[in-house]
Amino acid sequence: MNWLILIIAGLCETAFAFCLGKTKLGIFVFHEPATFWRVFFLSTLILSIVGLKYVG
C-alpha cells in the first residue's frame, strides 16, 4: 500500500511542477499578462503545497 501512496505523491508533484513551469514560461517567454488573478492563484497553489508539506 505504501508504494501506491508514493506513486500518487510523485504524480501530484509532477503535475504541480508542470503547472508552475508552464505558467512561468507563458509569462516570461511568451509575454502573457501577469494579471492579479493569475499571480493570486499561482501563489495560492504554491502556499497550499508548502502548507501540506509542512503539516504532513
PDB file of N, CA and C in Angstrom:
ATOM      1  N   MET A   1       0.818  -1.191   0.000  1.00  0.00           N
ATOM      2  CA  MET A   1       0.000   0.000   0.000  1.00  0.00           C
ATOM      3  C   MET A   1       0.866   1.261   0.000  1.00  0.00           C
ATOM      4  N   ASN A   2       2.033   1.207   0.619  1.00  0.00           N
ATOM      5  CA  ASN A   2       2.899   2.382   0.664  1.00  0.00           C
ATOM      6  C   ASN A   2       3.395   2.790  -0.714  1.00  0.00           C
ATOM      7  N   TRP A   3       3.610   1.835  -1.589  1.00  0.00           N
ATOM      8  CA  TRP A   3       4.090   2.164  -2.939  1.00  0.00           C
ATOM      9  C   TRP A   3       3.033   2.925  -3.713  1.00  0.00           C
ATOM     10  N   LEU A   4       1.752   2.637  -3.456  1.00  0.00           N
ATOM     11  CA  LEU A   4       0.671   3.356  -4.124  1.00  0.00           C
ATOM     12  C   LEU A   4       0.639   4.819  -3.693  1.00  0.00           C
ATOM     13  N   ILE A   5       0.849   5.060  -2.434  1.00  0.00           N
ATOM     14  CA  ILE A   5       0.902   6.440  -1.923  1.00  0.00           C
ATOM     15  C   ILE A   5       2.086   7.185  -2.521  1.00  0.00           C
ATOM     16  N   LEU A   6       3.215   6.516  -2.655  1.00  0.00           N
ATOM     17  CA  LEU A   6       4.389   7.148  -3.252  1.00  0.00           C
ATOM     18  C   LEU A   6       4.166   7.488  -4.721  1.00  0.00           C
ATOM     19  N   ILE A   7       3.496   6.624  -5.453  1.00  0.00           N
ATOM     20  CA  ILE A   7       3.206   6.894  -6.863  1.00  0.00           C
ATOM     21  C   ILE A   7       2.268   8.086  -6.994  1.00  0.00           C
ATOM     22  N   ILE A   8       1.221   8.120  -6.179  1.00  0.00           N
ATOM     23  CA  ILE A   8       0.272   9.234  -6.217  1.00  0.00           C
ATOM     24  C   ILE A   8       0.960  10.535  -5.837  1.00  0.00           C
ATOM     25  N   ALA A   9       1.803  10.511  -4.816  1.00  0.00           N
ATOM     26  CA  ALA A   9       2.526  11.716  -4.404  1.00  0.00           C
ATOM     27  C   ALA A   9       3.470  12.184  -5.504  1.00  0.00           C
ATOM     28  N   GLY A  10       4.129  11.271  -6.178  1.00  0.00           N
ATOM     29  CA  GLY A  10       5.021  11.636  -7.278  1.00  0.00           C
ATOM     30  C   GLY A  10       4.263  12.256  -8.431  1.00  0.00           C
ATOM     31  N   LEU A  11       3.084  11.725  -8.740  1.00  0.00           N
ATOM     32  CA  LEU A  11       2.274  12.288  -9.818  1.00  0.00           C
ATOM     33  C   LEU A  11       1.781  13.685  -9.462  1.00  0.00           C
ATOM     34  N   CYS A  12       1.417  13.891  -8.207  1.00  0.00           N
ATOM     35  CA  CYS A  12       0.949  15.216  -7.781  1.00  0.00           C
ATOM     36  C   CYS A  12       2.083  16.233  -7.854  1.00  0.00           C
ATOM     37  N   GLU A  13       3.274  15.842  -7.443  1.00  0.00           N
ATOM     38  CA  GLU A  13       4.405  16.763  -7.513  1.00  0.00           C
ATOM     39  C   GLU A  13       4.779  17.054  -8.961  1.00  0.00           C
ATOM     40  N   THR A  14       4.667  16.068  -9.822  1.00  0.00           N
ATOM     41  CA  THR A  14       4.957  16.278 -11.236  1.00  0.00           C
ATOM     42  C   THR A  14       3.938  17.222 -11.855  1.00  0.00           C
ATOM     43  N   ALA A  15       2.681  17.042 -11.516  1.00  0.00           N
ATOM     44  CA  ALA A  15       1.631  17.917 -12.037  1.00  0.00           C
ATOM     45  C   ALA A  15       1.816  19.345 -11.528  1.00  0.00           C
ATOM     46  N   PHE A  16       2.199  19.488 -10.272  1.00  0.00           N
ATOM     47  CA  PHE A  16       2.442  20.810  -9.710  1.00  0.00           C
ATOM     48  C   PHE A  16       3.612  21.487 -10.413  1.00  0.00           C
ATOM     49  N   ALA A  17       4.691  20.763 -10.640  1.00  0.00           N
ATOM     50  CA  ALA A  17       5.854  21.335 -11.318  1.00  0.00           C
ATOM     51  C   ALA A  17       5.519  21.712 -12.759  1.00  0.00           C
ATOM     52  N   PHE A  18       4.731  20.891 -13.437  1.00  0.00           N
ATOM     53  CA  PHE A  18       4.326  21.195 -14.811  1.00  0.00           C
ATOM     54  C   PHE A  18       3.466  22.452 -14.854  1.00  0.00           C
ATOM     55  N   CYS A  19       2.520  22.555 -13.941  1.00  0.00           N
ATOM     56  CA  CYS A  19       1.622  23.718 -13.895  1.00  0.00           C
ATOM     57  C   CYS A  19       2.406  24.989 -13.604  1.00  0.00           C
ATOM     58  N   LEU A  20       3.283  24.938 -12.641  1.00  0.00           N
ATOM     59  CA  LEU A  20       4.083  26.107 -12.286  1.00  0.00           C
ATOM     60  C   LEU A  20       5.033  26.482 -13.412  1.00  0.00           C
ATOM     61  N   GLY A  21       5.687  25.508 -14.010  1.00  0.00           N
ATOM     62  CA  GLY A  21       6.622  25.786 -15.092  1.00  0.00           C
ATOM     63  C   GLY A  21       5.938  26.327 -16.333  1.00  0.00           C
ATOM     64  N   LYS A  22       4.783  25.774 -16.660  1.00  0.00           N
ATOM     65  CA  LYS A  22       4.045  26.234 -17.834  1.00  0.00           C
ATOM     66  C   LYS A  22       3.577  27.676 -17.658  1.00  0.00           C
ATOM     67  N   THR A  23       3.121  28.018 -16.486  1.00  0.00           N
ATOM     68  CA  THR A  23       2.656  29.382 -16.236  1.00  0.00           C
ATOM     69  C   THR A  23       3.814  30.372 -16.258  1.00  0.00           C
ATOM     70  N   LYS A  24       4.921  30.013 -15.631  1.00  0.00           N
ATOM     71  CA  LYS A  24       6.090  30.900 -15.655  1.00  0.00           C
ATOM     72  C   LYS A  24       6.637  31.055 -17.062  1.00  0.00           C
ATOM     73  N   LEU A  25       6.634  29.985 -17.826  1.00  0.00           N
ATOM     74  CA  LEU A  25       7.092  30.044 -19.208  1.00  0.00           C
ATOM     75  C   LEU A  25       6.199  30.978 -20.025  1.00  0.00           C
ATOM     76  N   GLY A  26       4.909  30.881 -19.830  1.00  0.00           N
ATOM     77  CA  GLY A  26       3.984  31.742 -20.544  1.00  0.00           C
ATOM     78  C   GLY A  26       4.172  33.207 -20.208  1.00  0.00           C
ATOM     79  N   ILE A  27       4.410  33.509 -18.950  1.00  0.00           N
ATOM     80  CA  ILE A  27       4.572  34.906 -18.530  1.00  0.00           C
ATOM     81  C   ILE A  27       5.902  35.466 -19.003  1.00  0.00           C
ATOM     82  N   PHE A  28       6.987  34.729 -18.815  1.00  0.00           N
ATOM     83  CA  PHE A  28       8.320  35.280 -19.094  1.00  0.00           C
ATOM     84  C   PHE A  28       8.754  35.134 -20.557  1.00  0.00           C
ATOM     85  N   VAL A  29       8.403  34.044 -21.195  1.00  0.00           N
ATOM     86  CA  VAL A  29       8.870  33.807 -22.558  1.00  0.00           C
ATOM     87  C   VAL A  29       7.881  34.340 -23.590  1.00  0.00           C
ATOM     88  N   PHE A  30       6.603  34.025 -23.393  1.00  0.00           N
ATOM     89  CA  PHE A  30       5.600  34.400 -24.384  1.00  0.00           C
ATOM     90  C   PHE A  30       4.901  35.719 -24.051  1.00  0.00           C
ATOM     91  N   HIS A  31       5.336  36.372 -22.989  1.00  0.00           N
ATOM     92  CA  HIS A  31       4.842  37.692 -22.576  1.00  0.00           C
ATOM     93  C   HIS A  31       3.331  37.726 -22.387  1.00  0.00           C
ATOM     94  N   GLU A  32       2.804  36.670 -21.776  1.00  0.00           N
ATOM     95  CA  GLU A  32       1.395  36.674 -21.413  1.00  0.00           C
ATOM     96  C   GLU A  32       1.213  37.618 -20.229  1.00  0.00           C
ATOM     97  N   PRO A  33       0.046  38.214 -20.087  1.00  0.00           N
ATOM     98  CA  PRO A  33      -0.139  39.174 -18.997  1.00  0.00           C
ATOM     99  C   PRO A  33      -0.120  38.487 -17.632  1.00  0.00           C
ATOM    100  N   ALA A  34       0.585  39.083 -16.695  1.00  0.00           N
ATOM    101  CA  ALA A  34       0.617  38.582 -15.325  1.00  0.00           C
ATOM    102  C   ALA A  34      -0.420  39.370 -14.528  1.00  0.00           C
ATOM    103  N   THR A  35      -1.673  39.004 -14.728  1.00  0.00           N
ATOM    104  CA  THR A  35      -2.756  39.716 -14.065  1.00  0.00           C
ATOM    105  C   THR A  35      -2.775  39.395 -12.574  1.00  0.00           C
ATOM    106  N   PHE A  36      -3.540  40.178 -11.862  1.00  0.00           N
ATOM    107  CA  PHE A  36      -3.648  39.977 -10.415  1.00  0.00           C
ATOM    108  C   PHE A  36      -4.152  38.572 -10.103  1.00  0.00           C
ATOM    109  N   TRP A  37      -5.197  38.139 -10.802  1.00  0.00           N
ATOM    110  CA  TRP A  37      -5.793  36.834 -10.508  1.00  0.00           C
ATOM    111  C   TRP A  37      -4.850  35.689 -10.838  1.00  0.00           C
ATOM    112  N   ARG A  38      -4.074  35.817 -11.888  1.00  0.00           N
ATOM    113  CA  ARG A  38      -3.118  34.764 -12.245  1.00  0.00           C
ATOM    114  C   ARG A  38      -2.050  34.624 -11.165  1.00  0.00           C
ATOM    115  N   VAL A  39      -1.512  35.739 -10.721  1.00  0.00           N
ATOM    116  CA  VAL A  39      -0.491  35.716  -9.669  1.00  0.00           C
ATOM    117  C   VAL A  39      -1.105  35.266  -8.346  1.00  0.00           C
ATOM    118  N   PHE A  40      -2.326  35.698  -8.077  1.00  0.00           N
ATOM    119  CA  PHE A  40      -3.009  35.308  -6.841  1.00  0.00           C
ATOM    120  C   PHE A  40      -3.198  33.793  -6.767  1.00  0.00           C
ATOM    121  N   PHE A  41      -3.739  33.195  -7.819  1.00  0.00           N
ATOM    122  CA  PHE A  41      -3.990  31.758  -7.800  1.00  0.00           C
ATOM    123  C   PHE A  41      -2.699  30.946  -7.860  1.00  0.00           C
ATOM    124  N   LEU A  42      -1.690  31.463  -8.520  1.00  0.00           N
ATOM    125  CA  LEU A  42      -0.395  30.788  -8.537  1.00  0.00           C
ATOM    126  C   LEU A  42       0.226  30.768  -7.145  1.00  0.00           C
ATOM    127  N   SER A  43       0.163  31.904  -6.456  1.00  0.00           N
ATOM    128  CA  SER A  43       0.702  31.951  -5.092  1.00  0.00           C
ATOM    129  C   SER A  43      -0.135  31.108  -4.140  1.00  0.00           C
ATOM    130  N   THR A  44      -1.449  31.050  -4.362  1.00  0.00           N
ATOM    131  CA  THR A  44      -2.297  30.178  -3.545  1.00  0.00           C
ATOM    132  C   THR A  44      -1.920  28.715  -3.735  1.00  0.00           C
ATOM    133  N   LEU A  45      -1.635  28.340  -4.967  1.00  0.00           N
ATOM    134  CA  LEU A  45      -1.207  26.969  -5.255  1.00  0.00           C
ATOM    135  C   LEU A  45       0.100  26.649  -4.541  1.00  0.00           C
ATOM    136  N   ILE A  46       1.051  27.552  -4.638  1.00  0.00           N
ATOM    137  CA  ILE A  46       2.355  27.335  -4.005  1.00  0.00           C
ATOM    138  C   ILE A  46       2.225  27.255  -2.489  1.00  0.00           C
ATOM    139  N   LEU A  47       1.477  28.197  -1.905  1.00  0.00           N
ATOM    140  CA  LEU A  47       1.309  28.200  -0.452  1.00  0.00           C
ATOM    141  C   LEU A  47       0.544  26.970   0.034  1.00  0.00           C
ATOM    142  N   SER A  48      -0.380  26.469  -0.763  1.00  0.00           N
ATOM    143  CA  SER A  48      -1.111  25.254  -0.390  1.00  0.00           C
ATOM    144  C   SER A  48      -0.190  24.049  -0.347  1.00  0.00           C
ATOM    145  N   ILE A  49       0.654  23.913  -1.348  1.00  0.00           N
ATOM    146  CA  ILE A  49       1.590  22.779  -1.385  1.00  0.00           C
ATOM    147  C   ILE A  49       2.584  22.863  -0.228  1.00  0.00           C
ATOM    148  N   VAL A  50       3.102  24.056   0.027  1.00  0.00           N
ATOM    149  CA  VAL A  50       4.045  24.229   1.129  1.00  0.00           C
ATOM    150  C   VAL A  50       3.354  23.926   2.457  1.00  0.00           C
ATOM    151  N   GLY A  51       2.113  24.384   2.600  1.00  0.00           N
ATOM    152  CA  GLY A  51       1.359  24.103   3.833  1.00  0.00           C
ATOM    153  C   GLY A  51       1.116  22.628   4.042  1.00  0.00           C
ATOM    154  N   LEU A  52       0.765  21.916   2.974  1.00  0.00           N
ATOM    155  CA  LEU A  52       0.557  20.474   3.110  1.00  0.00           C
ATOM    156  C   LEU A  52       1.841  19.732   3.433  1.00  0.00           C
ATOM    157  N   LYS A  53       2.949  20.190   2.871  1.00  0.00           N
ATOM    158  CA  LYS A  53       4.231  19.544   3.186  1.00  0.00           C
ATOM    159  C   LYS A  53       4.627  19.819   4.645  1.00  0.00           C
ATOM    160  N   TYR A  54       4.318  21.025   5.128  1.00  0.00           N
ATOM    161  CA  TYR A  54       4.691  21.398   6.490  1.00  0.00           C
ATOM    162  C   TYR A  54       3.864  20.618   7.515  1.00  0.00           C
ATOM    163  N   VAL A  55       2.585  20.455   7.256  1.00  0.00           N
ATOM    164  CA  VAL A  55       1.697  19.768   8.194  1.00  0.00           C
ATOM    165  C   VAL A  55       1.941  18.256   8.160  1.00  0.00           C
ATOM    166  N   GLY A  56       2.148  17.732   6.955  1.00  0.00           N
ATOM    167  CA  GLY A  56       2.270  16.267   6.810  1.00  0.00           C
ATOM    168  C   GLY A  56       3.600  15.830   7.020  1.00  0.00           C
TER     169      GLY A  56
END
